[in-house]
Amino acid sequence: MMMTYRKKYQLETGLKKAQSEYANGILTEYRQSYDEGLDIEKYEALFRAIGDLSADEPQKSALSGTLFELIADAPMREGYEYQEPSDWEEIRLLCKPYALKNPKKPSEDTLREKISGAWYGRICGCILGKPAEGTRFAELQKFLKDAGNYPMYRYIRRSDIHYKSTIRTSCLADEMTFAPWDDDTNYVVLAQVLIEKYGRNFTSKDVLDIWLEKQPVYSYFTAEKTALVNYINGLQPPVSAVFQNPYREWIGAQIRGDYFGYINPGNPEAAAEMAFRDASISHVKNGIYGEMFVAAMLAAAAVTDDMEEIIRSGLAQIPYSSRLYAAVERLLSDYQNGVSVEKAFSDIHCAWDDRDGYDWCHTISNALIVVASLLYGRENFGKSVCMAVENGFDTDCNGATVGSVLGMILGEKGIGSEWKKPVNGILETTVQGVGKKPVSEFIDQTVKHVVFEK
């Protein structure tokens, strides 16, 4: 692949930034390694000492690299209760099969309507949460109350801005003439480009090649940026996901699985397997499972509108011995036992502190927000996406995922015009060769990629 001077400069600049990324995320590495069950408590003081060094301290990167090597072969803690492989065959051995009770294969027209709903649902959910991305729950709740928009029922508007806050004012729905680019929508487009170029049998390496070819480095963040730099440095997947990547169980993969669900209606396993190939370039364990879970739910949502069945179809594709499975299973059980919506979200906030960057961006915390919103939203599009956003954490990601699932169930007709109006039928991307296009073109291409289970 020919590389322009500009792209080479972007890659080299990205590489330099990423070399210090691990050092700056060294405390995230400690939390991540501990949560994975590694016996590393004896190194906590060392982690904290390195973490306390200033970012411009020349030895910080070197010391962090040494610490990475030191813990690379750390044993598991005695009594750790989870078993969480990152290998496909091992994952399959730990899955509990679940068969949909009465799946209904949609007609061609119905399928297009559902896929259209999923695209618009994702775009609208993303737009809803985009201004609030990075705003922590307590501040967001106050802001929405002050704006007369709590419980949330509409987009954040320019007229809501009465005082300085962390709400992003560059992406307000009432000032949009199209859906602006966002990583939550870019990844769906990239997956479409991937399938168009390499087909359904794409490899993990193909995914990274598409990333390099189609987007500048600044379009990637945390685990994805780390994986891309590792690949540039010659590390192939799945090693690209592991080397000095403290973000390996963060939400990045969970937002990338939608397209694999769109093109595998009624076949959650096929959707999850494609999602695995995508996720394993940048994530491990629950980071991988999050993408598999979402892709499988979307595949199921194309053939049933039973929300609990959809969620269980997603769970059936990930290890029952994982933290993600256990957390979602508890939430499902509470829902079935009549736990109120207030307590369900309160419990999530008690278990995960959105003021902490690790908790805010982790796969599990955000998956729980998604599942709770799907359950308690009662198949009402607006209510569900608003629930996903008003409860904080990664608001645009969760709004987009909830919107995608609801859109697949309800179809485009189930998404009110008040939600679609800011989009004006146009989606902007930073994907080279795609740019800004009518949403209908993305939908048409998706339908061409669909394969029903035989």
Protein backbone atom coordinates (compact mmCIF):
# COMPACT_ATOMS: atom_id res chain seq x y z
CA MET A 1 0.00 0.00 0.00
CA MET A 2 1.49 3.34 -1.06
CA MET A 3 1.80 5.79 1.80
CA THR A 4 1.62 9.52 1.27
CA TYR A 5 4.00 11.82 3.14
CA ARG A 6 1.05 13.21 5.06
CA LYS A 7 -0.17 9.79 6.17
CA LYS A 8 3.37 8.74 7.12
CA TYR A 9 3.65 11.88 9.24
CA GLN A 10 0.30 11.16 10.88
CA LEU A 11 1.38 7.61 11.72
CA GLU A 12 4.75 8.70 13.11
CA THR A 13 3.10 11.43 15.17
CA GLY A 14 0.53 8.94 16.43
CA LEU A 15 3.33 6.54 17.32
CA LYS A 16 5.17 9.12 19.41
CA LYS A 17 1.98 9.99 21.28
CA ALA A 18 1.13 6.34 21.86
CA GLN A 19 4.57 5.59 23.29
CA SER A 20 3.71 7.80 26.25
CA GLU A 21 0.09 6.63 26.36
CA TYR A 22 0.86 3.47 28.31
CA ALA A 23 2.93 5.38 30.84
CA ASN A 24 0.12 7.88 31.37
CA GLY A 25 -2.34 4.99 31.74
CA ILE A 26 -0.21 2.96 34.14
CA LEU A 27 -2.74 3.21 36.98
CA THR A 28 -5.43 2.05 34.57
CA GLU A 29 -3.16 -0.93 33.89
CA TYR A 30 -3.10 -1.77 37.58
CA ARG A 31 -6.89 -1.65 37.90
CA GLN A 32 -7.33 -3.60 34.67
CA SER A 33 -4.85 -6.31 35.65
CA TYR A 34 -6.35 -6.63 39.12
CA ASP A 35 -9.88 -6.93 37.75
CA GLU A 36 -8.68 -9.64 35.36
CA GLY A 37 -7.63 -11.59 38.44
CA LEU A 38 -3.87 -11.19 38.26
CA ASP A 39 -1.95 -11.51 41.53
CA ILE A 40 -0.26 -8.11 41.42
CA GLU A 41 -1.13 -6.42 44.71
CA LYS A 42 2.51 -6.58 45.79
CA TYR A 43 3.30 -4.19 42.92
CA GLU A 44 0.63 -1.60 43.76
CA ALA A 45 3.06 0.84 45.40
CA LEU A 46 5.33 0.60 42.36
CA PHE A 47 2.43 1.31 40.02
CA ARG A 48 1.45 4.34 42.07
CA ALA A 49 5.01 5.67 42.27
CA ILE A 50 5.38 5.54 38.49
CA GLY A 51 1.88 6.95 38.02
CA ASP A 52 2.80 9.93 40.22
CA LEU A 53 5.68 10.93 37.94
CA SER A 54 4.92 13.90 35.72
CA ALA A 55 4.03 13.19 32.10
CA ASP A 56 7.22 14.90 30.87
CA GLU A 57 9.48 12.84 33.15
CA PRO A 58 11.82 11.08 30.65
CA GLN A 59 12.02 7.88 32.72
CA LYS A 60 8.28 7.40 33.06
CA SER A 61 7.86 5.53 29.76
CA ALA A 62 10.92 3.36 30.38
CA LEU A 63 9.81 2.44 33.90
CA SER A 64 6.29 1.69 32.70
CA GLY A 65 7.68 -0.60 30.01
CA THR A 66 9.74 -2.44 32.61
CA LEU A 67 6.67 -2.82 34.81
CA PHE A 68 4.72 -4.21 31.87
CA GLU A 69 7.36 -6.91 31.43
CA LEU A 70 7.38 -7.58 35.16
CA ILE A 71 3.67 -8.38 35.33
CA ALA A 72 3.41 -10.07 31.92
CA ASP A 73 3.55 -13.55 33.46
CA ALA A 74 1.84 -12.74 36.76
CA PRO A 75 -0.20 -15.69 38.09
CA MET A 76 -3.93 -15.55 38.79
CA ARG A 77 -5.05 -14.77 42.34
CA GLU A 78 -6.11 -17.77 44.33
CA GLY A 79 -9.89 -18.07 44.45
CA TYR A 80 -10.58 -15.81 41.46
CA GLU A 81 -14.06 -16.90 40.39
CA TYR A 82 -14.14 -16.04 36.69
CA GLN A 83 -12.84 -17.87 33.64
CA GLU A 84 -12.44 -15.49 30.72
CA PRO A 85 -10.62 -16.71 27.61
CA SER A 86 -9.86 -14.51 24.61
CA ASP A 87 -9.54 -17.40 22.14
CA TRP A 88 -12.54 -18.25 19.93
CA GLU A 89 -12.56 -21.99 20.54
CA GLU A 90 -12.20 -21.55 24.29
CA ILE A 91 -14.96 -18.95 24.32
CA ARG A 92 -17.32 -21.34 22.52
CA LEU A 93 -16.69 -24.06 25.10
CA LEU A 94 -17.95 -21.73 27.84
CA CYS A 95 -21.16 -20.59 26.14
CA LYS A 96 -24.61 -21.78 27.17
CA PRO A 97 -26.76 -22.42 24.07
CA TYR A 98 -30.01 -20.50 23.81
CA ALA A 99 -32.59 -20.96 21.04
CA LEU A 100 -35.07 -18.24 20.16
CA LYS A 101 -38.58 -19.51 20.82
CA ASN A 102 -40.49 -18.15 17.81
CA PRO A 103 -38.16 -16.35 15.42
CA LYS A 104 -39.92 -14.78 12.45
CA LYS A 105 -37.94 -14.36 9.24
CA PRO A 106 -38.81 -10.90 7.90
CA SER A 107 -39.81 -10.28 4.30
CA GLU A 108 -37.44 -8.28 2.11
CA ASP A 109 -39.42 -5.09 2.67
CA THR A 110 -39.66 -5.67 6.41
CA LEU A 111 -35.95 -6.42 6.64
CA ARG A 112 -35.05 -3.19 4.87
CA GLU A 113 -37.37 -1.31 7.21
CA LYS A 114 -35.66 -2.90 10.22
CA ILE A 115 -32.15 -2.22 8.93
CA SER A 116 -33.17 1.36 8.19
CA GLY A 117 -34.45 1.62 11.74
CA ALA A 118 -31.19 0.27 13.13
CA TRP A 119 -29.11 2.80 11.17
CA TYR A 120 -31.31 5.73 12.12
CA GLY A 121 -31.62 4.46 15.69
CA ARG A 122 -27.86 4.38 16.07
CA ILE A 123 -27.38 7.80 14.50
CA CYS A 124 -30.14 9.47 16.55
CA GLY A 125 -29.06 7.82 19.80
CA CYS A 126 -25.51 9.00 19.16
CA ILE A 127 -26.64 12.57 18.48
CA LEU A 128 -28.71 12.54 21.66
CA GLY A 129 -25.74 11.57 23.82
CA LYS A 130 -23.00 13.45 21.97
CA PRO A 131 -23.29 16.82 23.80
CA ALA A 132 -23.20 15.01 27.16
CA GLU A 133 -20.19 12.81 26.39
CA GLY A 134 -17.67 13.27 29.18
CA THR A 135 -20.13 15.02 31.51
CA ARG A 136 -20.38 13.03 34.70
CA PHE A 137 -23.71 11.85 36.03
CA ALA A 138 -24.22 14.35 38.85
CA GLU A 139 -23.51 17.36 36.64
CA LEU A 140 -25.57 15.93 33.77
CA GLN A 141 -28.54 15.32 36.03
CA LYS A 142 -28.42 18.90 37.33
CA PHE A 143 -28.05 20.31 33.83
CA LEU A 144 -31.04 18.36 32.50
CA LYS A 145 -33.17 19.39 35.48
CA ASP A 146 -32.25 23.05 35.00
CA ALA A 147 -33.21 22.71 31.33
CA GLY A 148 -36.60 21.17 32.15
CA ASN A 149 -35.47 18.02 30.37
CA TYR A 150 -35.38 15.53 33.25
CA PRO A 151 -36.44 12.80 32.96
CA MET A 152 -34.96 13.33 29.53
CA TYR A 153 -37.43 13.37 26.65
CA ARG A 154 -35.74 15.41 23.89
CA TYR A 155 -32.42 16.51 22.44
CA ILE A 156 -30.23 19.04 24.24
CA ARG A 157 -30.76 22.46 22.64
CA ARG A 158 -28.86 25.71 22.42
CA SER A 159 -31.55 27.32 24.58
CA ASP A 160 -30.66 24.87 27.37
CA ILE A 161 -27.22 26.45 27.79
CA HIS A 162 -27.56 28.98 30.61
CA TYR A 163 -24.20 28.62 32.33
CA LYS A 164 -20.73 27.22 31.80
CA SER A 165 -20.62 23.44 32.01
CA THR A 166 -18.93 20.43 30.42
CA ILE A 167 -21.85 19.99 28.00
CA ARG A 168 -20.43 20.15 24.46
CA THR A 169 -22.03 23.01 22.55
CA SER A 170 -20.51 22.20 19.15
CA CYS A 171 -22.94 19.35 18.45
CA LEU A 172 -26.41 20.51 19.47
CA ALA A 173 -29.25 18.88 17.55
CA ASP A 174 -31.21 22.07 16.89
CA GLU A 175 -28.18 23.53 15.09
CA MET A 176 -27.43 20.48 12.92
CA THR A 177 -28.14 20.15 9.22
CA PHE A 178 -26.79 16.57 9.09
CA ALA A 179 -25.45 13.97 11.52
CA PRO A 180 -21.83 14.95 12.30
CA TRP A 181 -19.07 12.36 12.28
CA ASP A 182 -18.53 10.30 15.40
CA ASP A 183 -16.55 7.14 16.13
CA ASP A 184 -19.83 5.41 17.06
CA THR A 185 -21.08 5.79 13.50
CA ASN A 186 -17.70 5.69 11.75
CA TYR A 187 -17.14 2.12 12.93
CA VAL A 188 -20.41 0.94 11.40
CA VAL A 189 -19.35 2.50 8.11
CA LEU A 190 -15.86 0.99 8.38
CA ALA A 191 -17.41 -2.45 8.91
CA GLN A 192 -19.47 -1.94 5.75
CA VAL A 193 -16.33 -0.99 3.82
CA LEU A 194 -14.59 -4.04 5.30
CA ILE A 195 -17.31 -6.44 4.13
CA GLU A 196 -17.44 -4.80 0.71
CA LYS A 197 -13.68 -5.21 0.18
CA TYR A 198 -12.92 -8.52 1.90
CA GLY A 199 -16.28 -10.26 2.19
CA ARG A 200 -17.69 -12.16 5.15
CA ASN A 201 -14.47 -14.16 5.61
CA PHE A 202 -12.38 -11.11 6.48
CA THR A 203 -9.50 -11.57 8.90
CA SER A 204 -8.53 -9.51 11.92
CA LYS A 205 -5.57 -8.22 9.92
CA ASP A 206 -7.98 -7.05 7.22
CA VAL A 207 -9.74 -4.90 9.82
CA LEU A 208 -6.50 -3.14 10.77
CA ASP A 209 -5.60 -2.64 7.13
CA ILE A 210 -8.97 -0.98 6.53
CA TRP A 211 -8.40 1.25 9.56
CA LEU A 212 -5.01 2.34 8.24
CA GLU A 213 -6.30 2.88 4.73
CA LYS A 214 -9.53 4.69 5.52
CA GLN A 215 -9.02 6.96 8.52
CA PRO A 216 -6.35 9.26 9.95
CA VAL A 217 -4.83 8.27 13.28
CA TYR A 218 -6.65 11.04 15.14
CA SER A 219 -9.94 9.26 14.50
CA TYR A 220 -8.94 6.43 16.87
CA PHE A 221 -8.79 6.50 20.65
CA THR A 222 -7.61 4.47 23.67
CA ALA A 223 -7.54 0.73 22.84
CA GLU A 224 -8.03 1.26 19.11
CA LYS A 225 -5.18 3.74 18.83
CA THR A 226 -2.91 1.48 20.86
CA ALA A 227 -3.75 -1.52 18.68
CA LEU A 228 -3.15 0.46 15.49
CA VAL A 229 0.25 1.67 16.67
CA ASN A 230 1.16 -1.85 17.76
CA TYR A 231 0.24 -3.07 14.28
CA ILE A 232 2.33 -0.34 12.64
CA ASN A 233 5.20 -1.56 14.81
CA GLY A 234 4.79 -5.08 13.43
CA LEU A 235 2.62 -6.69 16.11
CA GLN A 236 -0.10 -8.82 14.54
CA PRO A 237 -3.49 -9.53 16.12
CA PRO A 238 -4.20 -10.70 18.75
CA VAL A 239 -0.87 -9.46 20.15
CA SER A 240 -1.84 -5.99 18.90
CA ALA A 241 -4.55 -6.01 21.58
CA VAL A 242 -2.29 -7.01 24.43
CA PHE A 243 1.00 -5.14 24.21
CA GLN A 244 0.99 -2.14 26.55
CA ASN A 245 -2.76 -1.66 26.16
CA PRO A 246 -4.34 -0.69 29.50
CA TYR A 247 -7.68 -0.04 27.75
CA ARG A 248 -8.18 -3.64 26.58
CA GLU A 249 -11.54 -4.06 28.33
CA TRP A 250 -12.90 -0.60 27.62
CA ILE A 251 -15.98 0.12 25.52
CA GLY A 252 -14.22 0.62 22.15
CA ALA A 253 -15.06 -2.81 20.75
CA GLN A 254 -18.62 -2.78 22.07
CA ILE A 255 -19.46 0.13 19.75
CA ARG A 256 -18.03 -1.65 16.69
CA GLY A 257 -20.26 -4.73 16.45
CA ASP A 258 -23.53 -3.39 15.07
CA TYR A 259 -22.93 -4.07 11.39
CA PHE A 260 -22.22 -7.74 12.00
CA GLY A 261 -25.64 -7.99 13.63
CA TYR A 262 -27.30 -6.10 10.78
CA ILE A 263 -26.05 -8.53 8.12
CA ASN A 264 -26.77 -11.73 10.04
CA PRO A 265 -30.49 -11.54 10.87
CA GLY A 266 -31.60 -14.53 12.93
CA ASN A 267 -28.04 -15.83 13.33
CA PRO A 268 -26.54 -14.48 16.57
CA GLU A 269 -23.62 -16.92 16.46
CA ALA A 270 -22.48 -15.75 13.02
CA ALA A 271 -22.79 -12.13 14.14
CA ALA A 272 -20.80 -12.83 17.31
CA GLU A 273 -18.07 -14.69 15.41
CA MET A 274 -17.57 -11.74 13.06
CA ALA A 275 -17.56 -9.42 16.05
CA PHE A 276 -14.90 -11.61 17.66
CA ARG A 277 -12.62 -11.22 14.63
CA ASP A 278 -13.06 -7.46 14.83
CA ALA A 279 -12.74 -7.09 18.62
CA SER A 280 -9.67 -9.27 19.09
CA ILE A 281 -7.41 -6.79 17.31
CA SER A 282 -7.72 -4.33 20.19
CA HIS A 283 -9.42 -6.02 23.15
CA VAL A 284 -9.35 -9.08 25.38
CA LYS A 285 -11.83 -10.92 27.57
CA ASN A 286 -14.85 -8.75 28.43
CA GLY A 287 -13.76 -6.17 25.88
CA ILE A 288 -14.26 -8.83 23.21
CA TYR A 289 -17.44 -10.16 24.81
CA GLY A 290 -19.07 -6.71 24.73
CA GLU A 291 -18.86 -6.55 20.95
CA MET A 292 -20.03 -10.14 20.56
CA PHE A 293 -22.95 -9.48 22.91
CA VAL A 294 -24.20 -6.41 21.02
CA ALA A 295 -23.78 -8.00 17.56
CA ALA A 296 -25.69 -11.09 18.67
CA MET A 297 -28.51 -9.02 20.20
CA LEU A 298 -28.95 -7.14 16.94
CA ALA A 299 -29.06 -10.37 14.94
CA ALA A 300 -31.78 -11.64 17.25
CA ALA A 301 -33.67 -8.33 17.19
CA ALA A 302 -34.20 -8.79 13.46
CA VAL A 303 -36.38 -11.85 14.05
CA THR A 304 -38.03 -11.27 17.47
CA ASP A 305 -39.31 -8.33 19.47
CA ASP A 306 -39.09 -10.10 22.84
CA MET A 307 -36.49 -8.01 24.67
CA GLU A 308 -35.54 -10.62 27.23
CA GLU A 309 -35.01 -13.16 24.47
CA ILE A 310 -32.87 -10.68 22.57
CA ILE A 311 -30.69 -10.10 25.62
CA ARG A 312 -30.40 -13.81 26.35
CA SER A 313 -29.45 -14.44 22.73
CA GLY A 314 -26.58 -12.03 23.27
CA LEU A 315 -25.54 -13.66 26.53
CA ALA A 316 -25.55 -17.08 24.84
CA GLN A 317 -22.58 -15.99 22.71
CA ILE A 318 -20.26 -15.08 25.59
CA PRO A 319 -18.76 -17.20 28.41
CA TYR A 320 -21.16 -17.84 31.29
CA SER A 321 -18.06 -17.72 33.51
CA SER A 322 -17.30 -14.05 32.69
CA ARG A 323 -17.84 -10.86 34.66
CA LEU A 324 -20.00 -9.41 31.87
CA TYR A 325 -22.30 -12.43 31.80
CA ALA A 326 -22.67 -12.41 35.59
CA ALA A 327 -23.41 -8.67 35.72
CA VAL A 328 -26.07 -8.81 32.99
CA GLU A 329 -27.60 -11.96 34.48
CA ARG A 330 -27.99 -10.20 37.85
CA LEU A 331 -29.65 -7.24 36.16
CA LEU A 332 -32.03 -9.52 34.27
CA SER A 333 -32.90 -11.38 37.46
CA ASP A 334 -33.60 -8.13 39.31
CA TYR A 335 -35.83 -6.95 36.47
CA GLN A 336 -37.79 -10.20 36.52
CA ASN A 337 -38.15 -9.91 40.30
CA GLY A 338 -39.74 -6.48 40.04
CA VAL A 339 -36.83 -4.24 40.97
CA SER A 340 -37.74 -0.64 40.11
CA VAL A 341 -36.05 1.31 37.34
CA GLU A 342 -34.67 3.75 39.93
CA LYS A 343 -33.02 1.00 41.94
CA ALA A 344 -31.70 -0.76 38.85
CA PHE A 345 -29.77 2.32 37.72
CA SER A 346 -28.80 3.20 41.29
CA ASP A 347 -27.24 -0.24 41.67
CA ILE A 348 -25.19 0.33 38.52
CA HIS A 349 -23.93 3.62 39.90
CA CYS A 350 -23.09 1.98 43.23
CA ALA A 351 -21.05 -0.74 41.51
CA TRP A 352 -19.39 1.60 39.01
CA ASP A 353 -18.29 5.17 39.74
CA ASP A 354 -18.62 7.27 36.58
CA ARG A 355 -16.32 9.90 38.10
CA ASP A 356 -13.50 7.40 37.65
CA GLY A 357 -12.24 7.19 34.06
CA TYR A 358 -11.84 3.42 34.18
CA ASP A 359 -15.39 2.84 35.40
CA TRP A 360 -16.77 5.49 33.04
CA CYS A 361 -15.31 3.83 29.95
CA HIS A 362 -15.40 0.13 30.85
CA THR A 363 -17.33 -2.40 28.76
CA ILE A 364 -19.32 -3.81 31.67
CA SER A 365 -20.57 -0.57 33.22
CA ASN A 366 -21.78 0.68 29.85
CA ALA A 367 -23.27 -2.68 28.85
CA LEU A 368 -25.35 -2.54 32.02
CA ILE A 369 -26.65 0.93 31.14
CA VAL A 370 -27.58 -0.43 27.70
CA VAL A 371 -29.35 -3.52 29.05
CA ALA A 372 -31.24 -1.61 31.75
CA SER A 373 -32.41 0.95 29.18
CA LEU A 374 -33.58 -1.80 26.83
CA LEU A 375 -35.50 -3.55 29.60
CA TYR A 376 -37.06 -0.58 31.34
CA GLY A 377 -37.64 1.45 28.18
CA ARG A 378 -40.47 -0.94 27.30
CA GLU A 379 -39.74 -0.84 23.55
CA ASN A 380 -40.37 2.90 23.40
CA PHE A 381 -37.60 4.39 21.27
CA GLY A 382 -37.48 7.85 22.81
CA LYS A 383 -37.83 6.65 26.37
CA SER A 384 -35.12 4.01 25.92
CA VAL A 385 -32.44 6.21 24.33
CA CYS A 386 -33.12 9.01 26.80
CA MET A 387 -32.73 6.56 29.68
CA ALA A 388 -29.39 5.45 28.25
CA VAL A 389 -28.14 9.04 28.05
CA GLU A 390 -29.55 10.61 31.23
CA ASN A 391 -27.85 7.94 33.36
CA GLY A 392 -24.39 9.04 32.35
CA PHE A 393 -21.28 7.01 31.62
CA ASP A 394 -20.40 6.97 27.88
CA THR A 395 -23.57 8.70 26.76
CA ASP A 396 -23.19 8.81 22.98
CA CYS A 397 -22.03 5.18 22.84
CA ASN A 398 -24.90 3.91 24.97
CA GLY A 399 -27.52 6.04 23.26
CA ALA A 400 -26.27 4.75 19.91
CA THR A 401 -26.33 1.08 20.93
CA VAL A 402 -29.76 1.26 22.53
CA GLY A 403 -31.06 3.17 19.51
CA SER A 404 -29.63 0.56 17.17
CA VAL A 405 -31.34 -2.35 18.93
CA LEU A 406 -34.67 -0.52 19.27
CA GLY A 407 -34.46 0.61 15.67
CA MET A 408 -33.97 -2.98 14.53
CA ILE A 409 -37.03 -4.09 16.51
CA LEU A 410 -39.32 -1.20 15.61
CA GLY A 411 -38.11 -0.31 12.12
CA GLU A 412 -37.63 3.23 10.90
CA LYS A 413 -41.36 3.92 11.29
CA GLY A 414 -40.97 3.33 15.02
CA ILE A 415 -38.59 6.27 15.34
CA GLY A 416 -40.47 9.54 15.63
CA SER A 417 -39.80 12.39 13.20
CA GLU A 418 -38.64 14.54 16.12
CA TRP A 419 -35.62 12.23 16.46
CA LYS A 420 -34.77 12.01 12.76
CA LYS A 421 -35.21 15.70 11.95
CA PRO A 422 -31.62 16.86 12.83
CA VAL A 423 -30.16 14.12 10.60
CA ASN A 424 -31.86 15.38 7.43
CA GLY A 425 -31.10 12.01 5.89
CA ILE A 426 -27.32 12.69 5.79
CA LEU A 427 -24.46 11.09 7.74
CA GLU A 428 -20.98 12.61 7.84
CA THR A 429 -17.97 10.34 8.33
CA THR A 430 -14.20 10.73 8.39
CA VAL A 431 -13.85 7.54 6.37
CA GLN A 432 -11.79 8.26 3.25
CA GLY A 433 -13.69 7.58 0.07
CA VAL A 434 -17.01 7.83 1.90
CA GLY A 435 -17.21 11.29 3.42
CA LYS A 436 -20.76 12.61 3.77
CA LYS A 437 -23.53 10.47 2.24
CA PRO A 438 -27.28 9.92 2.35
CA VAL A 439 -28.20 7.41 5.05
CA SER A 440 -30.28 5.59 2.45
CA GLU A 441 -27.10 4.61 0.58
CA PHE A 442 -25.66 2.96 3.69
CA ILE A 443 -28.94 1.12 4.18
CA ASP A 444 -29.05 -0.11 0.58
CA GLN A 445 -25.51 -1.46 0.83
CA THR A 446 -26.30 -3.19 4.12
CA VAL A 447 -29.23 -5.05 2.59
CA LYS A 448 -26.88 -6.34 -0.13
CA HIS A 449 -24.57 -7.81 2.53
CA VAL A 450 -27.32 -9.69 4.39
CA VAL A 451 -27.15 -13.48 4.55
CA PHE A 452 -29.91 -15.44 6.26
CA GLU A 453 -29.08 -18.60 8.17
CA LYS A 454 -29.93 -21.65 6.07
